[in-house]
Amino acid sequence: PSGVPGALCNCVHLKWKVWKDNGGEPVTQLMLEQRAVGQKYWIKMDKVDGKVTSFFNKKVEEGKPYQF
């Protein structure tokens, strides 16, 4: 996602822009993933419609840095 996510204790509000350069095929859905900084593996959070541009992630621990 672009920009810095907003965070409230154990919830992060992610925002992004609709994909413009997608290789010619329409984007029908996105798989959202996260991992704690320093972790090797990504964890699947959810699938969303390709037109969605934000998501509230409630599966984070306060004070722990994450990548999305």
C-alpha atoms as a PDB file:
ATOM      1  CA  PRO A   1       0.000   0.000   0.000  1.00  0.00           C
ATOM      2  CA  SER A   2       1.072   3.560  -0.579  1.00  0.00           C
ATOM      3  CA  GLY A   3       1.672   5.992   2.260  1.00  0.00           C
ATOM      4  CA  VAL A   4       1.854   5.366   5.976  1.00  0.00           C
ATOM      5  CA  PRO A   5      -1.006   3.307   7.405  1.00  0.00           C
ATOM      6  CA  GLY A   6      -3.066   4.752  10.226  1.00  0.00           C
ATOM      7  CA  ALA A   7      -2.886   2.709  13.423  1.00  0.00           C
ATOM      8  CA  LEU A   8      -5.034   2.490  16.549  1.00  0.00           C
ATOM      9  CA  CYS A   9      -3.770   0.049  19.218  1.00  0.00           C
ATOM     10  CA  ASN A  10      -4.482  -3.322  17.558  1.00  0.00           C
ATOM     11  CA  CYS A  11      -6.021  -2.077  14.292  1.00  0.00           C
ATOM     12  CA  VAL A  12      -4.394  -0.697  11.125  1.00  0.00           C
ATOM     13  CA  HIS A  13      -6.264   1.165   8.375  1.00  0.00           C
ATOM     14  CA  LEU A  14      -4.545   0.431   5.054  1.00  0.00           C
ATOM     15  CA  LYS A  15      -5.210   2.587   1.971  1.00  0.00           C
ATOM     16  CA  TRP A  16      -3.993   2.300  -1.617  1.00  0.00           C
ATOM     17  CA  LYS A  17      -4.788   3.517  -5.128  1.00  0.00           C
ATOM     18  CA  VAL A  18      -6.520   1.456  -7.805  1.00  0.00           C
ATOM     19  CA  TRP A  19      -3.937  -0.285 -10.016  1.00  0.00           C
ATOM     20  CA  LYS A  20      -3.521   1.507 -13.367  1.00  0.00           C
ATOM     21  CA  ASP A  21      -0.769  -0.563 -15.005  1.00  0.00           C
ATOM     22  CA  ASN A  22      -1.860  -4.164 -14.606  1.00  0.00           C
ATOM     23  CA  GLY A  23      -0.385  -5.829 -17.684  1.00  0.00           C
ATOM     24  CA  GLY A  24      -3.568  -5.521 -19.739  1.00  0.00           C
ATOM     25  CA  GLU A  25      -5.916  -7.700 -17.694  1.00  0.00           C
ATOM     26  CA  PRO A  26      -8.461  -6.237 -15.281  1.00  0.00           C
ATOM     27  CA  VAL A  27      -7.676  -6.638 -11.588  1.00  0.00           C
ATOM     28  CA  THR A  28     -10.642  -8.565 -10.183  1.00  0.00           C
ATOM     29  CA  GLN A  29      -9.341  -9.143  -6.666  1.00  0.00           C
ATOM     30  CA  LEU A  30      -6.368  -8.481  -4.421  1.00  0.00           C
ATOM     31  CA  MET A  31      -4.802 -10.785  -1.843  1.00  0.00           C
ATOM     32  CA  LEU A  32      -3.771  -8.745   1.188  1.00  0.00           C
ATOM     33  CA  GLU A  33      -0.790 -10.048   3.151  1.00  0.00           C
ATOM     34  CA  GLN A  34       1.215  -8.974   6.184  1.00  0.00           C
ATOM     35  CA  ARG A  35       4.303  -9.985   8.102  1.00  0.00           C
ATOM     36  CA  ALA A  36       6.004  -8.694  11.201  1.00  0.00           C
ATOM     37  CA  VAL A  37       9.244  -6.877  10.405  1.00  0.00           C
ATOM     38  CA  GLY A  38      12.069  -9.429  10.457  1.00  0.00           C
ATOM     39  CA  GLN A  39       9.808 -12.417   9.758  1.00  0.00           C
ATOM     40  CA  LYS A  40      10.502 -14.562   6.697  1.00  0.00           C
ATOM     41  CA  TYR A  41       6.970 -15.555   5.693  1.00  0.00           C
ATOM     42  CA  TRP A  42       3.951 -13.512   4.621  1.00  0.00           C
ATOM     43  CA  ILE A  43       0.550 -14.247   6.196  1.00  0.00           C
ATOM     44  CA  LYS A  44      -2.597 -13.965   4.094  1.00  0.00           C
ATOM     45  CA  MET A  45      -5.053 -11.510   5.663  1.00  0.00           C
ATOM     46  CA  ASP A  46      -7.966 -11.440   3.220  1.00  0.00           C
ATOM     47  CA  LYS A  47      -9.072 -11.265  -0.410  1.00  0.00           C
ATOM     48  CA  VAL A  48     -10.848  -8.097  -1.523  1.00  0.00           C
ATOM     49  CA  ASP A  49     -12.526  -6.951  -4.726  1.00  0.00           C
ATOM     50  CA  GLY A  50     -10.147  -5.255  -7.178  1.00  0.00           C
ATOM     51  CA  LYS A  51     -12.032  -1.963  -6.826  1.00  0.00           C
ATOM     52  CA  VAL A  52     -11.545  -1.793  -3.044  1.00  0.00           C
ATOM     53  CA  THR A  53      -8.965   0.806  -1.917  1.00  0.00           C
ATOM     54  CA  SER A  54      -8.860   0.377   1.867  1.00  0.00           C
ATOM     55  CA  PHE A  55      -8.970  -2.303   4.545  1.00  0.00           C
ATOM     56  CA  PHE A  56      -9.105  -2.409   8.354  1.00  0.00           C
ATOM     57  CA  ASN A  57      -6.710  -5.046   9.680  1.00  0.00           C
ATOM     58  CA  LYS A  58      -7.487  -6.074  13.254  1.00  0.00           C
ATOM     59  CA  LYS A  59      -4.834  -8.813  13.393  1.00  0.00           C
ATOM     60  CA  VAL A  60      -1.859  -6.807  14.666  1.00  0.00           C
ATOM     61  CA  GLU A  61      -0.178  -6.360  18.031  1.00  0.00           C
ATOM     62  CA  GLU A  62       0.241  -2.862  19.437  1.00  0.00           C
ATOM     63  CA  GLY A  63       3.812  -1.565  19.157  1.00  0.00           C
ATOM     64  CA  LYS A  64       4.948  -4.301  16.758  1.00  0.00           C
ATOM     65  CA  PRO A  65       6.093  -3.116  13.281  1.00  0.00           C
ATOM     66  CA  TYR A  66       4.565  -4.807  10.226  1.00  0.00           C
ATOM     67  CA  GLN A  67       4.938  -4.848   6.460  1.00  0.00           C
ATOM     68  CA  PHE A  68       1.902  -5.037   4.190  1.00  0.00           C
END
